[in-house]
Amino acid sequence: MDRLRKIGNVENRITELLQKVPGYNGYRDKENRRDEDKRLRESIANDVQNSVNRLTQYNADLSAARELTHLSRVEALVGQIRLLADRIRTASYGYGGIFTEREVDAAALDQLRQFDLALQGEVTSLNEKVQTLTSSTPPRDDDVRTLSGEIDRLKLLFDTRTEVVDQAKPTRDAKVLELLETNEPATPSPLLSVNKGDTLSVLGDNFIANATISLATDQGPLQLIRVSEEEAGATWLLGSGVEGIVSARLMESLGEMPPYQTMQRAAATLDTENGRQEGVAVQYAARMTSDGELELTVVFGDSARVYRGNEIRDIDVEVYGAA
């Protein structure tokens, strides 16, 4: 009974912590996708509106300077950008597509994130091109054409994004895929920052880290995080900073070292219920099995531990700190 009460208290503390975190449920949570989609679109639309405001003021300056022959060209650009901002802000989707109660293609959700990154990049480019155009009076023809081309790219991105939202399937349009090739800077896995006692979630599943094993390798850091209390078959999360090794949700098994593995040396830091140990010499190896699972082997002295499981995406992980 005391154990059940303790578990219940811990779960309540986790819930209270998670509810305080903005965006806790995330873009992939089907119950919150509509709100998250609206928030993102409003942010992008507000940035587009900045270009409308700047061009509107510029047109007023042209009128005051009696540059009347250029007013209609700039006004046409203002109208196109204003319409685009309104469409982005007020887009209304049905209850199908990514908002359906059915399981949604993960590739479509990943591509929506690419759309949002690409749109933000193109909006930044839009504002820069508007600034260039409005820096000279009258506007230069090349600047007008360049801005018009930017507007067309934004329209194409948003129109195709709408199709992906409605159909819940990724686009294969070559022109659009080229625009989606954003160079997003690599960021460390959030699982690498987890300490023993921290709360975290993966796709809405909540955990408390009760032990960690951090490996310092020549290729980068790896961290195993135990999130269950079983003595055998414990569940671990793997955060990876090593190219070719994915972050994953794994189950532990004890056994002999697989003979086909080429082992690498590493230094481990263990933080468990038995205390903290640093500088522990270990060997490790990782491979993807024919079933698409990650298999990670870690050898401590003459004891081999094998962890097997499926990849998790770092974007689906949220870390909240100590419980």
C-alpha atoms as a PDB file:
ATOM      1  CA  MET A   1       0.000   0.000   0.000  1.00  0.00           C
ATOM      2  CA  ASP A   2       2.815   2.420   0.915  1.00  0.00           C
ATOM      3  CA  ARG A   3       4.516   1.604  -2.365  1.00  0.00           C
ATOM      4  CA  LEU A   4       1.334   2.328  -4.345  1.00  0.00           C
ATOM      5  CA  ARG A   5       0.840   5.579  -2.464  1.00  0.00           C
ATOM      6  CA  LYS A   6       4.454   6.568  -3.212  1.00  0.00           C
ATOM      7  CA  ILE A   7       4.024   5.809  -6.917  1.00  0.00           C
ATOM      8  CA  GLY A   8       0.792   7.824  -6.980  1.00  0.00           C
ATOM      9  CA  ASN A   9       2.499  10.805  -5.343  1.00  0.00           C
ATOM     10  CA  VAL A  10       5.345  10.666  -7.845  1.00  0.00           C
ATOM     11  CA  GLU A  11       2.895  10.527 -10.778  1.00  0.00           C
ATOM     12  CA  ASN A  12       1.021  13.539  -9.409  1.00  0.00           C
ATOM     13  CA  ARG A  13       4.256  15.489  -9.111  1.00  0.00           C
ATOM     14  CA  ILE A  14       5.162  14.622 -12.701  1.00  0.00           C
ATOM     15  CA  THR A  15       1.757  15.757 -13.946  1.00  0.00           C
ATOM     16  CA  GLU A  16       2.047  19.058 -12.090  1.00  0.00           C
ATOM     17  CA  LEU A  17       5.496  19.654 -13.534  1.00  0.00           C
ATOM     18  CA  LEU A  18       4.481  18.829 -17.103  1.00  0.00           C
ATOM     19  CA  GLN A  19       1.403  21.027 -17.029  1.00  0.00           C
ATOM     20  CA  LYS A  20       3.615  24.031 -16.295  1.00  0.00           C
ATOM     21  CA  VAL A  21       5.693  23.529 -19.445  1.00  0.00           C
ATOM     22  CA  PRO A  22       4.533  25.517 -22.524  1.00  0.00           C
ATOM     23  CA  GLY A  23       3.912  23.255 -25.497  1.00  0.00           C
ATOM     24  CA  TYR A  24       4.165  20.147 -23.322  1.00  0.00           C
ATOM     25  CA  ASN A  25       1.871  18.100 -25.546  1.00  0.00           C
ATOM     26  CA  GLY A  26       3.801  19.143 -28.629  1.00  0.00           C
ATOM     27  CA  TYR A  27       3.159  19.316 -32.331  1.00  0.00           C
ATOM     28  CA  ARG A  28       2.856  15.537 -32.665  1.00  0.00           C
ATOM     29  CA  ASP A  29       0.118  15.126 -30.069  1.00  0.00           C
ATOM     30  CA  LYS A  30      -3.041  14.631 -32.142  1.00  0.00           C
ATOM     31  CA  GLU A  31      -5.215  16.272 -29.473  1.00  0.00           C
ATOM     32  CA  ASN A  32      -3.239  19.505 -29.731  1.00  0.00           C
ATOM     33  CA  ARG A  33      -2.209  19.650 -33.388  1.00  0.00           C
ATOM     34  CA  ARG A  34      -4.915  22.136 -34.334  1.00  0.00           C
ATOM     35  CA  ASP A  35      -3.857  24.593 -31.605  1.00  0.00           C
ATOM     36  CA  GLU A  36      -0.183  24.167 -32.415  1.00  0.00           C
ATOM     37  CA  ASP A  37      -0.866  24.617 -36.124  1.00  0.00           C
ATOM     38  CA  LYS A  38      -2.769  27.838 -35.459  1.00  0.00           C
ATOM     39  CA  ARG A  39      -0.007  29.177 -33.220  1.00  0.00           C
ATOM     40  CA  LEU A  40       2.639  28.553 -35.862  1.00  0.00           C
ATOM     41  CA  ARG A  41       0.556  30.091 -38.631  1.00  0.00           C
ATOM     42  CA  GLU A  42      -0.191  33.209 -36.596  1.00  0.00           C
ATOM     43  CA  SER A  43       3.502  33.698 -35.905  1.00  0.00           C
ATOM     44  CA  ILE A  44       4.382  33.385 -39.600  1.00  0.00           C
ATOM     45  CA  ALA A  45       1.460  35.619 -40.644  1.00  0.00           C
ATOM     46  CA  ASN A  46       2.585  38.349 -38.232  1.00  0.00           C
ATOM     47  CA  ASP A  47       6.046  38.315 -39.808  1.00  0.00           C
ATOM     48  CA  VAL A  48       4.517  38.538 -43.290  1.00  0.00           C
ATOM     49  CA  GLN A  49       2.370  41.465 -42.103  1.00  0.00           C
ATOM     50  CA  ASN A  50       5.577  43.373 -41.279  1.00  0.00           C
ATOM     51  CA  SER A  51       6.376  43.400 -44.999  1.00  0.00           C
ATOM     52  CA  VAL A  52       2.863  44.662 -45.766  1.00  0.00           C
ATOM     53  CA  ASN A  53       3.294  47.538 -43.330  1.00  0.00           C
ATOM     54  CA  ARG A  54       6.683  48.522 -44.714  1.00  0.00           C
ATOM     55  CA  LEU A  55       5.505  48.433 -48.327  1.00  0.00           C
ATOM     56  CA  THR A  56       2.347  50.410 -47.471  1.00  0.00           C
ATOM     57  CA  GLN A  57       4.452  53.162 -45.915  1.00  0.00           C
ATOM     58  CA  TYR A  58       6.794  53.071 -48.906  1.00  0.00           C
ATOM     59  CA  ASN A  59       3.872  53.531 -51.268  1.00  0.00           C
ATOM     60  CA  ALA A  60       2.781  56.566 -49.265  1.00  0.00           C
ATOM     61  CA  ASP A  61       6.297  57.957 -49.586  1.00  0.00           C
ATOM     62  CA  LEU A  62       6.198  57.403 -53.365  1.00  0.00           C
ATOM     63  CA  SER A  63       2.907  59.280 -53.543  1.00  0.00           C
ATOM     64  CA  ALA A  64       4.334  62.177 -51.538  1.00  0.00           C
ATOM     65  CA  ALA A  65       7.354  62.257 -53.871  1.00  0.00           C
ATOM     66  CA  ARG A  66       5.001  62.328 -56.889  1.00  0.00           C
ATOM     67  CA  GLU A  67       6.423  59.037 -58.212  1.00  0.00           C
ATOM     68  CA  LEU A  68       2.942  58.173 -59.406  1.00  0.00           C
ATOM     69  CA  THR A  69       3.957  55.801 -62.215  1.00  0.00           C
ATOM     70  CA  HIS A  70       5.290  53.310 -59.668  1.00  0.00           C
ATOM     71  CA  LEU A  71       2.347  53.297 -57.283  1.00  0.00           C
ATOM     72  CA  SER A  72       0.354  50.583 -59.035  1.00  0.00           C
ATOM     73  CA  ARG A  73       3.304  48.155 -59.147  1.00  0.00           C
ATOM     74  CA  VAL A  74       3.984  48.499 -55.447  1.00  0.00           C
ATOM     75  CA  GLU A  75       0.295  48.399 -54.587  1.00  0.00           C
ATOM     76  CA  ALA A  76      -0.013  45.091 -56.466  1.00  0.00           C
ATOM     77  CA  LEU A  77       2.800  43.649 -54.343  1.00  0.00           C
ATOM     78  CA  VAL A  78       1.119  44.943 -51.181  1.00  0.00           C
ATOM     79  CA  GLY A  79      -2.129  43.251 -52.185  1.00  0.00           C
ATOM     80  CA  GLN A  80      -0.447  39.899 -52.871  1.00  0.00           C
ATOM     81  CA  ILE A  81       1.442  39.880 -49.597  1.00  0.00           C
ATOM     82  CA  ARG A  82      -1.576  41.038 -47.570  1.00  0.00           C
ATOM     83  CA  LEU A  83      -3.705  38.267 -49.097  1.00  0.00           C
ATOM     84  CA  LEU A  84      -1.023  35.722 -48.286  1.00  0.00           C
ATOM     85  CA  ALA A  85      -0.799  36.897 -44.665  1.00  0.00           C
ATOM     86  CA  ASP A  86      -4.582  36.650 -44.305  1.00  0.00           C
ATOM     87  CA  ARG A  87      -4.661  33.168 -45.834  1.00  0.00           C
ATOM     88  CA  ILE A  88      -1.914  31.921 -43.519  1.00  0.00           C
ATOM     89  CA  ARG A  89      -3.594  33.377 -40.444  1.00  0.00           C
ATOM     90  CA  THR A  90      -7.182  32.296 -41.183  1.00  0.00           C
ATOM     91  CA  ALA A  91      -6.703  28.976 -42.990  1.00  0.00           C
ATOM     92  CA  SER A  92      -9.529  26.672 -41.970  1.00  0.00           C
ATOM     93  CA  TYR A  93      -9.021  22.934 -42.142  1.00  0.00           C
ATOM     94  CA  GLY A  94     -11.551  20.165 -41.837  1.00  0.00           C
ATOM     95  CA  TYR A  95     -11.529  17.362 -39.294  1.00  0.00           C
ATOM     96  CA  GLY A  96      -9.714  14.930 -41.528  1.00  0.00           C
ATOM     97  CA  GLY A  97      -6.085  15.043 -42.572  1.00  0.00           C
ATOM     98  CA  ILE A  98      -3.611  15.445 -39.734  1.00  0.00           C
ATOM     99  CA  PHE A  99      -6.492  16.245 -37.375  1.00  0.00           C
ATOM    100  CA  THR A 100      -8.112  12.858 -37.823  1.00  0.00           C
ATOM    101  CA  GLU A 101      -8.480  10.430 -34.929  1.00  0.00           C
ATOM    102  CA  ARG A 102      -6.724   7.797 -37.030  1.00  0.00           C
ATOM    103  CA  GLU A 103      -2.974   7.240 -36.924  1.00  0.00           C
ATOM    104  CA  VAL A 104      -1.256   9.792 -39.152  1.00  0.00           C
ATOM    105  CA  ASP A 105       1.701   9.068 -41.409  1.00  0.00           C
ATOM    106  CA  ALA A 106       4.782  10.088 -39.405  1.00  0.00           C
ATOM    107  CA  ALA A 107       6.434  11.233 -42.647  1.00  0.00           C
ATOM    108  CA  ALA A 108       3.648  13.790 -43.130  1.00  0.00           C
ATOM    109  CA  LEU A 109       4.220  15.199 -39.629  1.00  0.00           C
ATOM    110  CA  ASP A 110       7.966  15.378 -40.238  1.00  0.00           C
ATOM    111  CA  GLN A 111       7.373  17.170 -43.516  1.00  0.00           C
ATOM    112  CA  LEU A 112       5.060  19.688 -41.841  1.00  0.00           C
ATOM    113  CA  ARG A 113       7.925  20.598 -39.566  1.00  0.00           C
ATOM    114  CA  GLN A 114      10.093  21.076 -42.668  1.00  0.00           C
ATOM    115  CA  PHE A 115       7.389  23.321 -44.122  1.00  0.00           C
ATOM    116  CA  ASP A 116       7.363  25.453 -40.978  1.00  0.00           C
ATOM    117  CA  LEU A 117      11.146  25.823 -41.053  1.00  0.00           C
ATOM    118  CA  ALA A 118      11.114  26.628 -44.771  1.00  0.00           C
ATOM    119  CA  LEU A 119       8.292  29.149 -44.374  1.00  0.00           C
ATOM    120  CA  GLN A 120      10.137  30.917 -41.588  1.00  0.00           C
ATOM    121  CA  GLY A 121      13.252  31.074 -43.749  1.00  0.00           C
ATOM    122  CA  GLU A 122      11.343  32.395 -46.761  1.00  0.00           C
ATOM    123  CA  VAL A 123       9.524  34.992 -44.631  1.00  0.00           C
ATOM    124  CA  THR A 124      12.890  36.257 -43.404  1.00  0.00           C
ATOM    125  CA  SER A 125      13.984  36.457 -47.032  1.00  0.00           C
ATOM    126  CA  LEU A 126      10.732  38.276 -47.885  1.00  0.00           C
ATOM    127  CA  ASN A 127      11.370  40.941 -45.269  1.00  0.00           C
ATOM    128  CA  GLU A 128      14.945  41.377 -46.494  1.00  0.00           C
ATOM    129  CA  LYS A 129      13.802  41.783 -50.101  1.00  0.00           C
ATOM    130  CA  VAL A 130      11.158  44.303 -49.059  1.00  0.00           C
ATOM    131  CA  GLN A 131      13.827  46.257 -47.202  1.00  0.00           C
ATOM    132  CA  THR A 132      16.032  46.216 -50.310  1.00  0.00           C
ATOM    133  CA  LEU A 133      13.190  47.376 -52.561  1.00  0.00           C
ATOM    134  CA  THR A 134      12.159  50.207 -50.250  1.00  0.00           C
ATOM    135  CA  SER A 135      15.732  51.475 -49.836  1.00  0.00           C
ATOM    136  CA  SER A 136      15.625  53.300 -53.182  1.00  0.00           C
ATOM    137  CA  THR A 137      13.168  55.732 -54.735  1.00  0.00           C
ATOM    138  CA  PRO A 138      11.798  54.901 -57.229  1.00  0.00           C
ATOM    139  CA  PRO A 139      11.954  51.088 -56.871  1.00  0.00           C
ATOM    140  CA  ARG A 140      14.384  49.264 -59.122  1.00  0.00           C
ATOM    141  CA  ASP A 141      12.910  46.833 -61.644  1.00  0.00           C
ATOM    142  CA  ASP A 142      15.191  43.995 -60.523  1.00  0.00           C
ATOM    143  CA  ASP A 143      14.084  44.454 -56.918  1.00  0.00           C
ATOM    144  CA  VAL A 144      10.417  44.315 -57.932  1.00  0.00           C
ATOM    145  CA  ARG A 145      10.961  41.083 -59.894  1.00  0.00           C
ATOM    146  CA  THR A 146      12.984  39.524 -57.064  1.00  0.00           C
ATOM    147  CA  LEU A 147      10.274  40.318 -54.517  1.00  0.00           C
ATOM    148  CA  SER A 148       7.572  38.983 -56.824  1.00  0.00           C
ATOM    149  CA  GLY A 149       9.497  35.698 -57.133  1.00  0.00           C
ATOM    150  CA  GLU A 150       9.760  35.456 -53.344  1.00  0.00           C
ATOM    151  CA  ILE A 151       5.992  35.909 -53.020  1.00  0.00           C
ATOM    152  CA  ASP A 152       5.476  33.080 -55.518  1.00  0.00           C
ATOM    153  CA  ARG A 153       7.722  30.761 -53.476  1.00  0.00           C
ATOM    154  CA  LEU A 154       5.798  31.527 -50.300  1.00  0.00           C
ATOM    155  CA  LYS A 155       2.487  30.884 -52.055  1.00  0.00           C
ATOM    156  CA  LEU A 156       3.738  27.530 -53.365  1.00  0.00           C
ATOM    157  CA  LEU A 157       4.986  26.490 -49.928  1.00  0.00           C
ATOM    158  CA  PHE A 158       1.790  27.421 -48.141  1.00  0.00           C
ATOM    159  CA  ASP A 159      -0.514  25.917 -50.784  1.00  0.00           C
ATOM    160  CA  THR A 160       1.356  22.619 -50.667  1.00  0.00           C
ATOM    161  CA  ARG A 161       1.500  22.670 -46.873  1.00  0.00           C
ATOM    162  CA  THR A 162      -2.295  22.997 -46.885  1.00  0.00           C
ATOM    163  CA  GLU A 163      -2.529  19.918 -49.115  1.00  0.00           C
ATOM    164  CA  VAL A 164      -0.314  17.928 -46.727  1.00  0.00           C
ATOM    165  CA  VAL A 165      -2.473  19.005 -43.769  1.00  0.00           C
ATOM    166  CA  ASP A 166      -5.684  18.040 -45.598  1.00  0.00           C
ATOM    167  CA  GLN A 167      -4.439  14.721 -46.990  1.00  0.00           C
ATOM    168  CA  ALA A 168      -2.079  13.715 -44.144  1.00  0.00           C
ATOM    169  CA  LYS A 169       0.399  12.540 -46.782  1.00  0.00           C
ATOM    170  CA  PRO A 170       3.798  14.059 -47.618  1.00  0.00           C
ATOM    171  CA  THR A 171       4.205  15.855 -50.925  1.00  0.00           C
ATOM    172  CA  ARG A 172       6.543  14.575 -53.628  1.00  0.00           C
ATOM    173  CA  ASP A 173       6.486  17.730 -55.752  1.00  0.00           C
ATOM    174  CA  ALA A 174      10.104  18.258 -56.870  1.00  0.00           C
ATOM    175  CA  LYS A 175       9.888  22.072 -56.765  1.00  0.00           C
ATOM    176  CA  VAL A 176       8.491  22.017 -53.253  1.00  0.00           C
ATOM    177  CA  LEU A 177      11.006  19.436 -52.013  1.00  0.00           C
ATOM    178  CA  GLU A 178      13.792  21.697 -53.247  1.00  0.00           C
ATOM    179  CA  LEU A 179      12.370  24.547 -51.171  1.00  0.00           C
ATOM    180  CA  LEU A 180      12.174  22.245 -48.146  1.00  0.00           C
ATOM    181  CA  GLU A 181      15.905  21.545 -48.229  1.00  0.00           C
ATOM    182  CA  THR A 182      16.584  23.712 -45.191  1.00  0.00           C
ATOM    183  CA  ASN A 183      19.934  23.390 -43.476  1.00  0.00           C
ATOM    184  CA  GLU A 184      18.700  23.072 -39.932  1.00  0.00           C
ATOM    185  CA  PRO A 185      21.621  23.239 -37.495  1.00  0.00           C
ATOM    186  CA  ALA A 186      22.285  19.974 -35.703  1.00  0.00           C
ATOM    187  CA  THR A 187      21.298  20.068 -32.042  1.00  0.00           C
ATOM    188  CA  PRO A 188      22.345  17.620 -29.323  1.00  0.00           C
ATOM    189  CA  SER A 189      19.806  15.015 -28.276  1.00  0.00           C
ATOM    190  CA  PRO A 190      17.893  16.306 -25.224  1.00  0.00           C
ATOM    191  CA  LEU A 191      18.395  12.857 -23.707  1.00  0.00           C
ATOM    192  CA  LEU A 192      22.101  13.646 -23.323  1.00  0.00           C
ATOM    193  CA  SER A 193      21.223  16.311 -20.735  1.00  0.00           C
ATOM    194  CA  VAL A 194      19.111  14.058 -18.484  1.00  0.00           C
ATOM    195  CA  ASN A 195      20.288  13.482 -14.906  1.00  0.00           C
ATOM    196  CA  LYS A 196      19.132  10.838 -12.448  1.00  0.00           C
ATOM    197  CA  GLY A 197      15.875  12.029 -10.890  1.00  0.00           C
ATOM    198  CA  ASP A 198      14.783  14.118 -13.893  1.00  0.00           C
ATOM    199  CA  THR A 199      11.298  13.852 -15.372  1.00  0.00           C
ATOM    200  CA  LEU A 200      10.843  13.575 -19.111  1.00  0.00           C
ATOM    201  CA  SER A 201       8.373  12.459 -21.747  1.00  0.00           C
ATOM    202  CA  VAL A 202       8.524  10.737 -25.122  1.00  0.00           C
ATOM    203  CA  LEU A 203       5.456  11.289 -27.295  1.00  0.00           C
ATOM    204  CA  GLY A 204       3.420  11.983 -24.167  1.00  0.00           C
ATOM    205  CA  ASP A 205       4.631   8.940 -22.213  1.00  0.00           C
ATOM    206  CA  ASN A 206       5.997  10.220 -18.885  1.00  0.00           C
ATOM    207  CA  PHE A 207       9.097   8.882 -17.146  1.00  0.00           C
ATOM    208  CA  ILE A 208      11.435   9.457 -14.224  1.00  0.00           C
ATOM    209  CA  ALA A 209      15.123   8.716 -14.789  1.00  0.00           C
ATOM    210  CA  ASN A 210      16.247   6.424 -11.960  1.00  0.00           C
ATOM    211  CA  ALA A 211      19.723   5.664 -13.310  1.00  0.00           C
ATOM    212  CA  THR A 212      22.059   6.882 -16.056  1.00  0.00           C
ATOM    213  CA  ILE A 213      25.082   5.444 -17.856  1.00  0.00           C
ATOM    214  CA  SER A 214      27.026   8.060 -19.788  1.00  0.00           C
ATOM    215  CA  LEU A 215      29.630   6.923 -22.326  1.00  0.00           C
ATOM    216  CA  ALA A 216      32.392   9.237 -23.518  1.00  0.00           C
ATOM    217  CA  THR A 217      33.510   7.827 -26.881  1.00  0.00           C
ATOM    218  CA  ASP A 218      35.924   9.027 -29.546  1.00  0.00           C
ATOM    219  CA  GLN A 219      32.923   9.649 -31.836  1.00  0.00           C
ATOM    220  CA  GLY A 220      30.806  11.568 -29.346  1.00  0.00           C
ATOM    221  CA  PRO A 221      28.636  11.041 -26.253  1.00  0.00           C
ATOM    222  CA  LEU A 222      26.080   8.314 -25.609  1.00  0.00           C
ATOM    223  CA  GLN A 223      23.757   8.195 -22.603  1.00  0.00           C
ATOM    224  CA  LEU A 224      21.550   5.386 -21.356  1.00  0.00           C
ATOM    225  CA  ILE A 225      18.703   6.403 -19.034  1.00  0.00           C
ATOM    226  CA  ARG A 226      16.832   3.750 -17.039  1.00  0.00           C
ATOM    227  CA  VAL A 227      13.141   4.589 -16.766  1.00  0.00           C
ATOM    228  CA  SER A 228      11.748   1.409 -15.197  1.00  0.00           C
ATOM    229  CA  GLU A 229      12.471  -0.450 -11.972  1.00  0.00           C
ATOM    230  CA  GLU A 230      12.636  -4.053 -13.178  1.00  0.00           C
ATOM    231  CA  GLU A 231      15.742  -5.975 -12.181  1.00  0.00           C
ATOM    232  CA  ALA A 232      15.543  -7.904 -15.449  1.00  0.00           C
ATOM    233  CA  GLY A 233      14.349  -6.514 -18.748  1.00  0.00           C
ATOM    234  CA  ALA A 234      14.560  -2.883 -17.649  1.00  0.00           C
ATOM    235  CA  THR A 235      13.554  -0.148 -20.077  1.00  0.00           C
ATOM    236  CA  TRP A 236      16.216   2.374 -21.040  1.00  0.00           C
ATOM    237  CA  LEU A 237      16.237   5.436 -23.272  1.00  0.00           C
ATOM    238  CA  LEU A 238      19.342   6.104 -25.347  1.00  0.00           C
ATOM    239  CA  GLY A 239      20.448   9.613 -26.231  1.00  0.00           C
ATOM    240  CA  SER A 240      23.020   9.679 -29.008  1.00  0.00           C
ATOM    241  CA  GLY A 241      25.585  12.211 -30.124  1.00  0.00           C
ATOM    242  CA  VAL A 242      27.346   9.660 -32.323  1.00  0.00           C
ATOM    243  CA  GLU A 243      26.757   9.698 -36.072  1.00  0.00           C
ATOM    244  CA  GLY A 244      25.132   6.476 -37.215  1.00  0.00           C
ATOM    245  CA  ILE A 245      23.708   5.599 -33.785  1.00  0.00           C
ATOM    246  CA  VAL A 246      20.102   6.713 -33.309  1.00  0.00           C
ATOM    247  CA  SER A 247      18.371   7.721 -30.100  1.00  0.00           C
ATOM    248  CA  ALA A 248      16.166   4.802 -29.053  1.00  0.00           C
ATOM    249  CA  ARG A 249      13.887   3.162 -26.486  1.00  0.00           C
ATOM    250  CA  LEU A 250      15.557  -0.087 -25.445  1.00  0.00           C
ATOM    251  CA  MET A 251      15.060  -3.163 -23.298  1.00  0.00           C
ATOM    252  CA  GLU A 252      18.037  -4.573 -21.395  1.00  0.00           C
ATOM    253  CA  SER A 253      19.148  -8.191 -21.381  1.00  0.00           C
ATOM    254  CA  LEU A 254      22.190  -9.835 -19.805  1.00  0.00           C
ATOM    255  CA  GLY A 255      24.229 -12.246 -21.810  1.00  0.00           C
ATOM    256  CA  GLU A 256      27.442 -12.975 -23.621  1.00  0.00           C
ATOM    257  CA  MET A 257      29.027 -10.455 -25.916  1.00  0.00           C
ATOM    258  CA  PRO A 258      27.817 -11.078 -29.502  1.00  0.00           C
ATOM    259  CA  PRO A 259      30.794 -12.515 -31.424  1.00  0.00           C
ATOM    260  CA  TYR A 260      30.121 -10.513 -34.601  1.00  0.00           C
ATOM    261  CA  GLN A 261      30.520  -7.097 -32.954  1.00  0.00           C
ATOM    262  CA  THR A 262      33.619  -4.928 -33.331  1.00  0.00           C
ATOM    263  CA  MET A 263      34.002  -3.324 -29.928  1.00  0.00           C
ATOM    264  CA  GLN A 264      35.079   0.269 -29.279  1.00  0.00           C
ATOM    265  CA  ARG A 265      36.557   1.620 -26.052  1.00  0.00           C
ATOM    266  CA  ALA A 266      34.823   4.262 -23.943  1.00  0.00           C
ATOM    267  CA  ALA A 267      34.853   5.762 -20.457  1.00  0.00           C
ATOM    268  CA  ALA A 268      31.602   5.447 -18.527  1.00  0.00           C
ATOM    269  CA  THR A 269      30.009   7.439 -15.735  1.00  0.00           C
ATOM    270  CA  LEU A 270      27.384   5.465 -13.817  1.00  0.00           C
ATOM    271  CA  ASP A 271      24.824   7.143 -11.593  1.00  0.00           C
ATOM    272  CA  THR A 272      22.554   4.510 -10.022  1.00  0.00           C
ATOM    273  CA  GLU A 273      20.948   3.564  -6.736  1.00  0.00           C
ATOM    274  CA  ASN A 274      24.391   2.271  -5.718  1.00  0.00           C
ATOM    275  CA  GLY A 275      25.973   5.710  -6.078  1.00  0.00           C
ATOM    276  CA  ARG A 276      28.049   7.468  -8.706  1.00  0.00           C
ATOM    277  CA  GLN A 277      31.131   6.025 -10.408  1.00  0.00           C
ATOM    278  CA  GLU A 278      33.277   7.895 -12.922  1.00  0.00           C
ATOM    279  CA  GLY A 279      35.955   6.833 -15.358  1.00  0.00           C
ATOM    280  CA  VAL A 280      34.800   3.228 -15.653  1.00  0.00           C
ATOM    281  CA  ALA A 281      36.497   1.513 -18.614  1.00  0.00           C
ATOM    282  CA  VAL A 282      33.957  -0.161 -20.914  1.00  0.00           C
ATOM    283  CA  GLN A 283      33.626  -1.417 -24.453  1.00  0.00           C
ATOM    284  CA  TYR A 284      30.625  -0.887 -26.691  1.00  0.00           C
ATOM    285  CA  ALA A 285      29.236  -1.662 -30.128  1.00  0.00           C
ATOM    286  CA  ALA A 286      26.035  -0.718 -31.944  1.00  0.00           C
ATOM    287  CA  ARG A 287      24.286  -2.010 -35.020  1.00  0.00           C
ATOM    288  CA  MET A 288      20.889  -2.008 -36.717  1.00  0.00           C
ATOM    289  CA  THR A 289      19.333  -5.479 -36.913  1.00  0.00           C
ATOM    290  CA  SER A 290      17.541  -6.924 -39.927  1.00  0.00           C
ATOM    291  CA  ASP A 291      14.265  -6.104 -38.125  1.00  0.00           C
ATOM    292  CA  GLY A 292      15.183  -2.409 -38.018  1.00  0.00           C
ATOM    293  CA  GLU A 293      15.990  -2.412 -34.288  1.00  0.00           C
ATOM    294  CA  LEU A 294      18.998  -0.806 -32.673  1.00  0.00           C
ATOM    295  CA  GLU A 295      21.201  -3.258 -30.769  1.00  0.00           C
ATOM    296  CA  LEU A 296      23.670  -1.696 -28.339  1.00  0.00           C
ATOM    297  CA  THR A 297      26.170  -3.858 -26.477  1.00  0.00           C
ATOM    298  CA  VAL A 298      28.098  -2.506 -23.490  1.00  0.00           C
ATOM    299  CA  VAL A 299      30.740  -4.608 -21.736  1.00  0.00           C
ATOM    300  CA  PHE A 300      31.651  -3.849 -18.113  1.00  0.00           C
ATOM    301  CA  GLY A 301      34.629  -6.051 -17.216  1.00  0.00           C
ATOM    302  CA  ASP A 302      33.475  -9.591 -17.961  1.00  0.00           C
ATOM    303  CA  SER A 303      29.773  -8.689 -17.972  1.00  0.00           C
ATOM    304  CA  ALA A 304      28.011  -7.851 -21.226  1.00  0.00           C
ATOM    305  CA  ARG A 305      24.722  -5.985 -21.336  1.00  0.00           C
ATOM    306  CA  VAL A 306      22.719  -5.920 -24.540  1.00  0.00           C
ATOM    307  CA  TYR A 307      20.031  -3.298 -25.184  1.00  0.00           C
ATOM    308  CA  ARG A 308      17.581  -3.692 -28.074  1.00  0.00           C
ATOM    309  CA  GLY A 309      14.713  -1.534 -29.266  1.00  0.00           C
ATOM    310  CA  ASN A 310      13.339   0.991 -31.696  1.00  0.00           C
ATOM    311  CA  GLU A 311      14.436   4.464 -32.699  1.00  0.00           C
ATOM    312  CA  ILE A 312      12.837   7.505 -31.095  1.00  0.00           C
ATOM    313  CA  ARG A 313      13.008  10.999 -32.555  1.00  0.00           C
ATOM    314  CA  ASP A 314      14.679  13.667 -30.486  1.00  0.00           C
ATOM    315  CA  ILE A 315      11.905  16.105 -31.454  1.00  0.00           C
ATOM    316  CA  ASP A 316       9.474  13.844 -29.543  1.00  0.00           C
ATOM    317  CA  VAL A 317      11.473  14.144 -26.320  1.00  0.00           C
ATOM    318  CA  GLU A 318      10.873  16.786 -23.653  1.00  0.00           C
ATOM    319  CA  VAL A 319      12.968  17.047 -20.484  1.00  0.00           C
ATOM    320  CA  TYR A 320      11.540  18.853 -17.477  1.00  0.00           C
ATOM    321  CA  GLY A 321      14.188  18.577 -14.765  1.00  0.00           C
ATOM    322  CA  ALA A 322      14.121  17.121 -11.284  1.00  0.00           C
ATOM    323  CA  ALA A 323      10.838  15.769  -9.929  1.00  0.00           C
END
